[in-house]
PDB file of all heavy atoms in Angstrom:
ATOM      1  N   ALA A   1     131.229  82.542  55.730  1.00  0.00           N
ATOM      2  CA  ALA A   1     132.167  83.524  56.280  1.00  0.00           C
ATOM      3  C   ALA A   1     131.425  84.774  56.743  1.00  0.00           C
ATOM      4  O   ALA A   1     131.744  85.347  57.793  1.00  0.00           O
ATOM      5  CB  ALA A   1     133.226  83.882  55.238  1.00  0.00           C
ATOM      6  N   LEU A   2     130.423  85.206  55.974  1.00  0.00           N
ATOM      7  CA  LEU A   2     129.640  86.380  56.356  1.00  0.00           C
ATOM      8  C   LEU A   2     128.868  86.119  57.643  1.00  0.00           C
ATOM      9  O   LEU A   2     128.814  86.975  58.534  1.00  0.00           O
ATOM     10  CB  LEU A   2     128.682  86.758  55.226  1.00  0.00           C
ATOM     11  CG  LEU A   2     127.792  87.965  55.465  1.00  0.00           C
ATOM     12  CD1 LEU A   2     128.633  89.227  55.574  1.00  0.00           C
ATOM     13  CD2 LEU A   2     126.765  88.101  54.363  1.00  0.00           C
ATOM     14  N   THR A   3     128.289  84.944  57.781  1.00  0.00           N
ATOM     15  CA  THR A   3     127.565  84.590  59.003  1.00  0.00           C
ATOM     16  C   THR A   3     128.508  84.565  60.202  1.00  0.00           C
ATOM     17  O   THR A   3     128.172  85.061  61.286  1.00  0.00           O
ATOM     18  CB  THR A   3     126.895  83.217  58.836  1.00  0.00           C
ATOM     19  OG1 THR A   3     126.109  83.214  57.653  1.00  0.00           O
ATOM     20  CG2 THR A   3     126.020  82.888  60.024  1.00  0.00           C
ATOM     21  N   THR A   4     129.693  84.022  59.988  1.00  0.00           N
ATOM     22  CA  THR A   4     130.681  83.984  61.069  1.00  0.00           C
ATOM     23  C   THR A   4     131.103  85.388  61.473  1.00  0.00           C
ATOM     24  O   THR A   4     131.240  85.692  62.664  1.00  0.00           O
ATOM     25  CB  THR A   4     131.905  83.164  60.631  1.00  0.00           C
ATOM     26  OG1 THR A   4     131.473  81.862  60.241  1.00  0.00           O
ATOM     27  CG2 THR A   4     132.910  83.047  61.749  1.00  0.00           C
ATOM     28  N   LEU A   5     131.295  86.269  60.504  1.00  0.00           N
ATOM     29  CA  LEU A   5     131.665  87.656  60.814  1.00  0.00           C
ATOM     30  C   LEU A   5     130.564  88.379  61.579  1.00  0.00           C
ATOM     31  O   LEU A   5     130.844  89.168  62.485  1.00  0.00           O
ATOM     32  CB  LEU A   5     132.006  88.418  59.533  1.00  0.00           C
ATOM     33  CG  LEU A   5     133.341  88.047  58.886  1.00  0.00           C
ATOM     34  CD1 LEU A   5     133.506  88.795  57.571  1.00  0.00           C
ATOM     35  CD2 LEU A   5     134.488  88.377  59.816  1.00  0.00           C
ATOM     36  N   LYS A   6     129.306  88.104  61.253  1.00  0.00           N
ATOM     37  CA  LYS A   6     128.194  88.697  62.013  1.00  0.00           C
ATOM     38  C   LYS A   6     128.209  88.218  63.458  1.00  0.00           C
ATOM     39  O   LYS A   6     128.021  89.004  64.394  1.00  0.00           O
ATOM     40  CB  LYS A   6     126.859  88.351  61.359  1.00  0.00           C
ATOM     41  CG  LYS A   6     126.531  89.155  60.136  1.00  0.00           C
ATOM     42  CD  LYS A   6     125.152  88.774  59.609  1.00  0.00           C
ATOM     43  CE  LYS A   6     124.818  89.519  58.356  1.00  0.00           C
ATOM     44  NZ  LYS A   6     123.500  89.124  57.808  1.00  0.00           N
ATOM     45  N   ASP A   7     128.437  86.915  63.644  1.00  0.00           N
ATOM     46  CA  ASP A   7     128.496  86.365  65.004  1.00  0.00           C
ATOM     47  C   ASP A   7     129.654  86.975  65.792  1.00  0.00           C
ATOM     48  O   ASP A   7     129.507  87.305  66.968  1.00  0.00           O
ATOM     49  CB  ASP A   7     128.637  84.841  64.961  1.00  0.00           C
ATOM     50  CG  ASP A   7     127.381  84.158  64.441  1.00  0.00           C
ATOM     51  OD1 ASP A   7     126.306  84.803  64.446  1.00  0.00           O
ATOM     52  OD2 ASP A   7     127.487  82.985  64.032  1.00  0.00           O
ATOM     53  N   VAL A   8     130.795  87.125  65.149  1.00  0.00           N
ATOM     54  CA  VAL A   8     131.953  87.723  65.816  1.00  0.00           C
ATOM     55  C   VAL A   8     131.670  89.172  66.175  1.00  0.00           C
ATOM     56  O   VAL A   8     132.051  89.655  67.247  1.00  0.00           O
ATOM     57  CB  VAL A   8     133.215  87.595  64.924  1.00  0.00           C
ATOM     58  CG1 VAL A   8     134.347  88.454  65.442  1.00  0.00           C
ATOM     59  CG2 VAL A   8     133.643  86.146  64.838  1.00  0.00           C
ATOM     60  N   SER A   9     130.977  89.880  65.308  1.00  0.00           N
ATOM     61  CA  SER A   9     130.622  91.276  65.592  1.00  0.00           C
ATOM     62  C   SER A   9     129.707  91.370  66.804  1.00  0.00           C
ATOM     63  O   SER A   9     129.904  92.227  67.682  1.00  0.00           O
ATOM     64  CB  SER A   9     129.941  91.892  64.372  1.00  0.00           C
ATOM     65  OG  SER A   9     129.486  93.183  64.659  1.00  0.00           O
ATOM     66  N   HIS A  10     128.720  90.486  66.881  1.00  0.00           N
ATOM     67  CA  HIS A  10     127.822  90.487  68.046  1.00  0.00           C
ATOM     68  C   HIS A  10     128.581  90.127  69.322  1.00  0.00           C
ATOM     69  O   HIS A  10     128.358  90.725  70.383  1.00  0.00           O
ATOM     70  CB  HIS A  10     126.657  89.522  67.834  1.00  0.00           C
ATOM     71  CG  HIS A  10     125.667  89.978  66.822  1.00  0.00           C
ATOM     72  ND1 HIS A  10     124.884  91.100  66.989  1.00  0.00           N
ATOM     73  CD2 HIS A  10     125.325  89.487  65.609  1.00  0.00           C
ATOM     74  CE1 HIS A  10     124.107  91.273  65.938  1.00  0.00           C
ATOM     75  NE2 HIS A  10     124.355  90.297  65.071  1.00  0.00           N
ATOM     76  N   LEU A  11     129.482  89.155  69.227  1.00  0.00           N
ATOM     77  CA  LEU A  11     130.269  88.782  70.402  1.00  0.00           C
ATOM     78  C   LEU A  11     131.181  89.921  70.842  1.00  0.00           C
ATOM     79  O   LEU A  11     131.369  90.144  72.041  1.00  0.00           O
ATOM     80  CB  LEU A  11     131.100  87.533  70.096  1.00  0.00           C
ATOM     81  CG  LEU A  11     130.326  86.217  70.041  1.00  0.00           C
ATOM     82  CD1 LEU A  11     131.243  85.084  69.597  1.00  0.00           C
ATOM     83  CD2 LEU A  11     129.706  85.897  71.374  1.00  0.00           C
ATOM     84  N   ALA A  12     131.730  90.661  69.885  1.00  0.00           N
ATOM     85  CA  ALA A  12     132.587  91.796  70.234  1.00  0.00           C
ATOM     86  C   ALA A  12     131.786  92.880  70.951  1.00  0.00           C
ATOM     87  O   ALA A  12     132.283  93.510  71.893  1.00  0.00           O
ATOM     88  CB  ALA A  12     133.256  92.357  68.983  1.00  0.00           C
ATOM     89  N   GLN A  13     130.556  93.110  70.522  1.00  0.00           N
ATOM     90  CA  GLN A  13     129.706  94.097  71.197  1.00  0.00           C
ATOM     91  C   GLN A  13     129.395  93.647  72.620  1.00  0.00           C
ATOM     92  O   GLN A  13     129.439  94.455  73.555  1.00  0.00           O
ATOM     93  CB  GLN A  13     128.416  94.308  70.409  1.00  0.00           C
ATOM     94  CG  GLN A  13     128.617  95.052  69.116  1.00  0.00           C
ATOM     95  CD  GLN A  13     127.335  95.124  68.293  1.00  0.00           C
ATOM     96  OE1 GLN A  13     126.327  94.503  68.632  1.00  0.00           O
ATOM     97  NE2 GLN A  13     127.385  95.867  67.205  1.00  0.00           N
ATOM     98  N   HIS A  14     129.079  92.370  72.797  1.00  0.00           N
ATOM     99  CA  HIS A  14     128.807  91.857  74.141  1.00  0.00           C
ATOM    100  C   HIS A  14     130.063  91.918  75.009  1.00  0.00           C
ATOM    101  O   HIS A  14     129.982  92.236  76.201  1.00  0.00           O
ATOM    102  CB  HIS A  14     128.287  90.423  74.078  1.00  0.00           C
ATOM    103  CG  HIS A  14     126.902  90.308  73.530  1.00  0.00           C
ATOM    104  ND1 HIS A  14     125.792  90.794  74.189  1.00  0.00           N
ATOM    105  CD2 HIS A  14     126.431  89.766  72.380  1.00  0.00           C
ATOM    106  CE1 HIS A  14     124.714  90.562  73.482  1.00  0.00           C
ATOM    107  NE2 HIS A  14     125.076  89.934  72.358  1.00  0.00           N
ATOM    108  N   LEU A  15     131.199  91.631  74.416  1.00  0.00           N
ATOM    109  CA  LEU A  15     132.458  91.697  75.151  1.00  0.00           C
ATOM    110  C   LEU A  15     132.757  93.127  75.589  1.00  0.00           C
ATOM    111  O   LEU A  15     133.183  93.363  76.718  1.00  0.00           O
ATOM    112  CB  LEU A  15     133.598  91.159  74.288  1.00  0.00           C
ATOM    113  CG  LEU A  15     134.981  91.169  74.916  1.00  0.00           C
ATOM    114  CD1 LEU A  15     135.019  90.208  76.097  1.00  0.00           C
ATOM    115  CD2 LEU A  15     136.025  90.796  73.890  1.00  0.00           C
ATOM    116  N   GLU A  16     132.504  94.086  74.727  1.00  0.00           N
ATOM    117  CA  GLU A  16     132.737  95.496  75.069  1.00  0.00           C
ATOM    118  C   GLU A  16     131.827  95.931  76.217  1.00  0.00           C
ATOM    119  O   GLU A  16     132.275  96.620  77.144  1.00  0.00           O
ATOM    120  CB  GLU A  16     132.497  96.375  73.844  1.00  0.00           C
ATOM    121  CG  GLU A  16     132.829  97.821  74.051  1.00  0.00           C
ATOM    122  CD  GLU A  16     132.643  98.632  72.781  1.00  0.00           C
ATOM    123  OE1 GLU A  16     132.723  98.057  71.687  1.00  0.00           O
ATOM    124  OE2 GLU A  16     132.412  99.843  72.902  1.00  0.00           O
ATOM    125  N   THR A  17     130.576  95.507  76.186  1.00  0.00           N
ATOM    126  CA  THR A  17     129.645  95.822  77.264  1.00  0.00           C
ATOM    127  C   THR A  17     130.108  95.194  78.578  1.00  0.00           C
ATOM    128  O   THR A  17     130.106  95.851  79.628  1.00  0.00           O
ATOM    129  CB  THR A  17     128.235  95.311  76.912  1.00  0.00           C
ATOM    130  OG1 THR A  17     127.840  95.870  75.667  1.00  0.00           O
ATOM    131  CG2 THR A  17     127.231  95.689  77.978  1.00  0.00           C
ATOM    132  N   THR A  18     130.535  93.945  78.516  1.00  0.00           N
ATOM    133  CA  THR A  18     131.002  93.250  79.717  1.00  0.00           C
ATOM    134  C   THR A  18     132.243  93.912  80.285  1.00  0.00           C
ATOM    135  O   THR A  18     132.356  94.103  81.504  1.00  0.00           O
ATOM    136  CB  THR A  18     131.288  91.774  79.392  1.00  0.00           C
ATOM    137  OG1 THR A  18     130.099  91.187  78.846  1.00  0.00           O
ATOM    138  CG2 THR A  18     131.698  91.017  80.637  1.00  0.00           C
ATOM    139  N   VAL A  19     133.182  94.295  79.418  1.00  0.00           N
ATOM    140  CA  VAL A  19     134.411  94.939  79.884  1.00  0.00           C
ATOM    141  C   VAL A  19     134.106  96.289  80.525  1.00  0.00           C
ATOM    142  O   VAL A  19     134.693  96.647  81.553  1.00  0.00           O
ATOM    143  CB  VAL A  19     135.421  95.084  78.718  1.00  0.00           C
ATOM    144  CG1 VAL A  19     136.555  96.017  79.065  1.00  0.00           C
ATOM    145  CG2 VAL A  19     135.965  93.721  78.342  1.00  0.00           C
ATOM    146  N   SER A  20     133.169  97.047  79.975  1.00  0.00           N
ATOM    147  CA  SER A  20     132.821  98.333  80.579  1.00  0.00           C
ATOM    148  C   SER A  20     132.167  98.130  81.943  1.00  0.00           C
ATOM    149  O   SER A  20     132.437  98.881  82.884  1.00  0.00           O
ATOM    150  CB  SER A  20     131.913  99.141  79.654  1.00  0.00           C
ATOM    151  OG  SER A  20     130.665  98.504  79.507  1.00  0.00           O
ATOM    152  N   LYS A  21     131.339  97.097  82.089  1.00  0.00           N
ATOM    153  CA  LYS A  21     130.732  96.806  83.397  1.00  0.00           C
ATOM    154  C   LYS A  21     131.797  96.382  84.403  1.00  0.00           C
ATOM    155  O   LYS A  21     131.750  96.777  85.573  1.00  0.00           O
ATOM    156  CB  LYS A  21     129.672  95.715  83.263  1.00  0.00           C
ATOM    157  CG  LYS A  21     128.403  96.183  82.573  1.00  0.00           C
ATOM    158  CD  LYS A  21     127.396  95.055  82.459  1.00  0.00           C
ATOM    159  CE  LYS A  21     126.137  95.506  81.740  1.00  0.00           C
ATOM    160  NZ  LYS A  21     125.159  94.412  81.607  1.00  0.00           N
ATOM    161  N   VAL A  22     132.758  95.587  83.958  1.00  0.00           N
ATOM    162  CA  VAL A  22     133.837  95.157  84.851  1.00  0.00           C
ATOM    163  C   VAL A  22     134.681  96.356  85.266  1.00  0.00           C
ATOM    164  O   VAL A  22     135.085  96.469  86.428  1.00  0.00           O
ATOM    165  CB  VAL A  22     134.700  94.069  84.165  1.00  0.00           C
ATOM    166  CG1 VAL A  22     135.991  93.832  84.919  1.00  0.00           C
ATOM    167  CG2 VAL A  22     133.908  92.775  84.052  1.00  0.00           C
ATOM    168  N   ASN A  23     134.940  97.281  84.347  1.00  0.00           N
ATOM    169  CA  ASN A  23     135.712  98.477  84.689  1.00  0.00           C
ATOM    170  C   ASN A  23     135.002  99.312  85.745  1.00  0.00           C
ATOM    171  O   ASN A  23     135.634  99.824  86.674  1.00  0.00           O
ATOM    172  CB  ASN A  23     135.982  99.321  83.445  1.00  0.00           C
ATOM    173  CG  ASN A  23     137.102  98.759  82.611  1.00  0.00           C
ATOM    174  OD1 ASN A  23     137.954  98.033  83.102  1.00  0.00           O
ATOM    175  ND2 ASN A  23     137.102  99.099  81.337  1.00  0.00           N
ATOM    176  N   VAL A  24     133.686  99.447  85.618  1.00  0.00           N
ATOM    177  CA  VAL A  24     132.921 100.199  86.611  1.00  0.00           C
ATOM    178  C   VAL A  24     132.997  99.501  87.963  1.00  0.00           C
ATOM    179  O   VAL A  24     133.189 100.144  89.006  1.00  0.00           O
ATOM    180  CB  VAL A  24     131.450 100.367  86.141  1.00  0.00           C
ATOM    181  CG1 VAL A  24     130.574 100.879  87.259  1.00  0.00           C
ATOM    182  CG2 VAL A  24     131.381 101.296  84.946  1.00  0.00           C
ATOM    183  N   THR A  25     132.874  98.185  87.968  1.00  0.00           N
ATOM    184  CA  THR A  25     132.936  97.431  89.212  1.00  0.00           C
ATOM    185  C   THR A  25     134.310  97.549  89.867  1.00  0.00           C
ATOM    186  O   THR A  25     134.419  97.757  91.079  1.00  0.00           O
ATOM    187  CB  THR A  25     132.604  95.948  88.947  1.00  0.00           C
ATOM    188  OG1 THR A  25     131.328  95.871  88.313  1.00  0.00           O
ATOM    189  CG2 THR A  25     132.593  95.158  90.230  1.00  0.00           C
ATOM    190  N   VAL A  26     135.378  97.442  89.068  1.00  0.00           N
ATOM    191  CA  VAL A  26     136.736  97.547  89.612  1.00  0.00           C
ATOM    192  C   VAL A  26     136.982  98.955  90.147  1.00  0.00           C
ATOM    193  O   VAL A  26     137.589  99.116  91.219  1.00  0.00           O
ATOM    194  CB  VAL A  26     137.771  97.161  88.533  1.00  0.00           C
ATOM    195  CG1 VAL A  26     139.172  97.548  88.958  1.00  0.00           C
ATOM    196  CG2 VAL A  26     137.703  95.671  88.257  1.00  0.00           C
ATOM    197  N   ASP A  27     136.504  99.979  89.444  1.00  0.00           N
ATOM    198  CA  ASP A  27     136.652 101.344  89.947  1.00  0.00           C
ATOM    199  C   ASP A  27     135.922 101.530  91.271  1.00  0.00           C
ATOM    200  O   ASP A  27     136.428 102.179  92.192  1.00  0.00           O
ATOM    201  CB  ASP A  27     136.136 102.358  88.918  1.00  0.00           C
ATOM    202  CG  ASP A  27     137.042 102.473  87.712  1.00  0.00           C
ATOM    203  OD1 ASP A  27     138.224 102.070  87.816  1.00  0.00           O
ATOM    204  OD2 ASP A  27     136.571 102.973  86.672  1.00  0.00           O
ATOM    205  N   ASP A  28     134.722 100.942  91.377  1.00  0.00           N
ATOM    206  CA  ASP A  28     133.957 101.028  92.619  1.00  0.00           C
ATOM    207  C   ASP A  28     134.684 100.317  93.760  1.00  0.00           C
ATOM    208  O   ASP A  28     134.758 100.831  94.881  1.00  0.00           O
ATOM    209  CB  ASP A  28     132.571 100.415  92.402  1.00  0.00           C
ATOM    210  CG  ASP A  28     131.650 100.654  93.583  1.00  0.00           C
ATOM    211  OD1 ASP A  28     131.687 101.770  94.140  1.00  0.00           O
ATOM    212  OD2 ASP A  28     130.890  99.735  93.944  1.00  0.00           O
ATOM    213  N   ILE A  29     135.239  99.152  93.475  1.00  0.00           N
ATOM    214  CA  ILE A  29     135.981  98.417  94.505  1.00  0.00           C
ATOM    215  C   ILE A  29     137.214  99.195  94.930  1.00  0.00           C
ATOM    216  O   ILE A  29     137.524  99.286  96.125  1.00  0.00           O
ATOM    217  CB  ILE A  29     136.358  97.014  94.002  1.00  0.00           C
ATOM    218  CG1 ILE A  29     135.098  96.156  93.901  1.00  0.00           C
ATOM    219  CG2 ILE A  29     137.388  96.356  94.903  1.00  0.00           C
ATOM    220  CD1 ILE A  29     135.308  94.826  93.233  1.00  0.00           C
ATOM    221  N   ASN A  30     137.941  99.778  93.973  1.00  0.00           N
ATOM    222  CA  ASN A  30     139.124 100.576  94.318  1.00  0.00           C
ATOM    223  C   ASN A  30     138.750 101.780  95.176  1.00  0.00           C
ATOM    224  O   ASN A  30     139.459 102.123  96.129  1.00  0.00           O
ATOM    225  CB  ASN A  30     139.847 101.040  93.050  1.00  0.00           C
ATOM    226  CG  ASN A  30     140.635  99.929  92.410  1.00  0.00           C
ATOM    227  OD1 ASN A  30     141.022  98.972  93.060  1.00  0.00           O
ATOM    228  ND2 ASN A  30     140.860 100.055  91.118  1.00  0.00           N
ATOM    229  N   TYR A  31     137.637 102.426  94.846  1.00  0.00           N
ATOM    230  CA  TYR A  31     137.182 103.581  95.632  1.00  0.00           C
ATOM    231  C   TYR A  31     136.864 103.153  97.062  1.00  0.00           C
ATOM    232  O   TYR A  31     137.267 103.805  98.026  1.00  0.00           O
ATOM    233  CB  TYR A  31     135.957 104.207  94.963  1.00  0.00           C
ATOM    234  CG  TYR A  31     135.334 105.312  95.755  1.00  0.00           C
ATOM    235  CD1 TYR A  31     135.925 106.565  95.812  1.00  0.00           C
ATOM    236  CD2 TYR A  31     134.148 105.108  96.442  1.00  0.00           C
ATOM    237  CE1 TYR A  31     135.355 107.592  96.541  1.00  0.00           C
ATOM    238  CE2 TYR A  31     133.568 106.120  97.179  1.00  0.00           C
ATOM    239  CZ  TYR A  31     134.179 107.362  97.222  1.00  0.00           C
ATOM    240  OH  TYR A  31     133.601 108.367  97.954  1.00  0.00           O
ATOM    241  N   LYS A  32     136.163 102.028  97.194  1.00  0.00           N
ATOM    242  CA  LYS A  32     135.796 101.552  98.536  1.00  0.00           C
ATOM    243  C   LYS A  32     137.029 101.109  99.321  1.00  0.00           C
ATOM    244  O   LYS A  32     137.110 101.337 100.529  1.00  0.00           O
ATOM    245  CB  LYS A  32     134.787 100.417  98.428  1.00  0.00           C
ATOM    246  CG  LYS A  32     133.413 100.918  97.992  1.00  0.00           C
ATOM    247  CD  LYS A  32     132.406  99.817  97.846  1.00  0.00           C
ATOM    248  CE  LYS A  32     131.086 100.391  97.378  1.00  0.00           C
ATOM    249  NZ  LYS A  32     130.088  99.369  97.148  1.00  0.00           N
ATOM    250  N   MET A  33     137.996 100.492  98.645  1.00  0.00           N
ATOM    251  CA  MET A  33     139.227 100.101  99.332  1.00  0.00           C
ATOM    252  C   MET A  33     140.005 101.330  99.796  1.00  0.00           C
ATOM    253  O   MET A  33     140.581 101.333 100.888  1.00  0.00           O
ATOM    254  CB  MET A  33     140.108  99.248  98.411  1.00  0.00           C
ATOM    255  CG  MET A  33     139.539  97.873  98.131  1.00  0.00           C
ATOM    256  SD  MET A  33     139.324  96.871  99.604  1.00  0.00           S
ATOM    257  CE  MET A  33     141.015  96.561 100.013  1.00  0.00           C
ATOM    258  N   ASP A  34     140.019 102.380  98.974  1.00  0.00           N
ATOM    259  CA  ASP A  34     140.677 103.622  99.400  1.00  0.00           C
ATOM    260  C   ASP A  34     139.980 104.216 100.607  1.00  0.00           C
ATOM    261  O   ASP A  34     140.637 104.717 101.531  1.00  0.00           O
ATOM    262  CB  ASP A  34     140.696 104.636  98.252  1.00  0.00           C
ATOM    263  CG  ASP A  34     141.662 104.249  97.155  1.00  0.00           C
ATOM    264  OD1 ASP A  34     142.576 103.433  97.427  1.00  0.00           O
ATOM    265  OD2 ASP A  34     141.514 104.761  96.028  1.00  0.00           O
ATOM    266  N   LYS A  35     138.655 104.159 100.628  1.00  0.00           N
ATOM    267  CA  LYS A  35     137.906 104.677 101.773  1.00  0.00           C
ATOM    268  C   LYS A  35     138.164 103.828 103.020  1.00  0.00           C
ATOM    269  O   LYS A  35     138.205 104.357 104.126  1.00  0.00           O
ATOM    270  CB  LYS A  35     136.400 104.709 101.471  1.00  0.00           C
ATOM    271  CG  LYS A  35     136.013 105.788 100.501  1.00  0.00           C
ATOM    272  CD  LYS A  35     136.301 107.132 101.103  1.00  0.00           C
ATOM    273  CE  LYS A  35     135.906 108.238 100.162  1.00  0.00           C
ATOM    274  NZ  LYS A  35     136.266 109.539 100.653  1.00  0.00           N
ATOM    275  N   LEU A  36     138.323 102.529 102.860  1.00  0.00           N
ATOM    276  CA  LEU A  36     138.618 101.666 104.005  1.00  0.00           C
ATOM    277  C   LEU A  36     140.047 101.882 104.507  1.00  0.00           C
ATOM    278  O   LEU A  36     140.321 101.725 105.700  1.00  0.00           O
ATOM    279  CB  LEU A  36     138.439 100.197 103.624  1.00  0.00           C
ATOM    280  CG  LEU A  36     137.005  99.707 103.515  1.00  0.00           C
ATOM    281  CD1 LEU A  36     136.985  98.283 102.987  1.00  0.00           C
ATOM    282  CD2 LEU A  36     136.303  99.775 104.853  1.00  0.00           C
ATOM    283  N   ASN A  37     140.970 102.243 103.626  1.00  0.00           N
ATOM    284  CA  ASN A  37     142.368 102.425 104.023  1.00  0.00           C
ATOM    285  C   ASN A  37     142.614 103.752 104.721  1.00  0.00           C
ATOM    286  O   ASN A  37     143.612 103.888 105.429  1.00  0.00           O
ATOM    287  CB  ASN A  37     143.284 102.316 102.808  1.00  0.00           C
ATOM    288  CG  ASN A  37     143.526 100.887 102.413  1.00  0.00           C
ATOM    289  OD1 ASN A  37     143.410  99.981 103.222  1.00  0.00           O
ATOM    290  ND2 ASN A  37     143.875 100.677 101.159  1.00  0.00           N
ATOM    291  N   GLU A  38     141.742 104.737 104.536  1.00  0.00           N
ATOM    292  CA  GLU A  38     141.961 106.044 105.158  1.00  0.00           C
ATOM    293  C   GLU A  38     142.047 105.961 106.684  1.00  0.00           C
ATOM    294  O   GLU A  38     142.996 106.492 107.269  1.00  0.00           O
ATOM    295  CB  GLU A  38     140.879 107.026 104.723  1.00  0.00           C
ATOM    296  CG  GLU A  38     141.056 107.510 103.301  1.00  0.00           C
ATOM    297  CD  GLU A  38     139.948 108.453 102.863  1.00  0.00           C
ATOM    298  OE1 GLU A  38     139.129 108.853 103.712  1.00  0.00           O
ATOM    299  OE2 GLU A  38     139.920 108.775 101.677  1.00  0.00           O
TER     300      GLU A  38
END
C-alpha cells in the first residue's frame, strides 16, 4: 500500500505539471484566436 501511494503521488505531480502546461497552451491559443478575430 505504501509503494502504491508513492506511485500515486508521483503520478499526481506529473499530472499537475501536464495540466499547467496544457493551461499555458490553451491560454496562448485563446490569445492568438482573439488576435485573429480582431
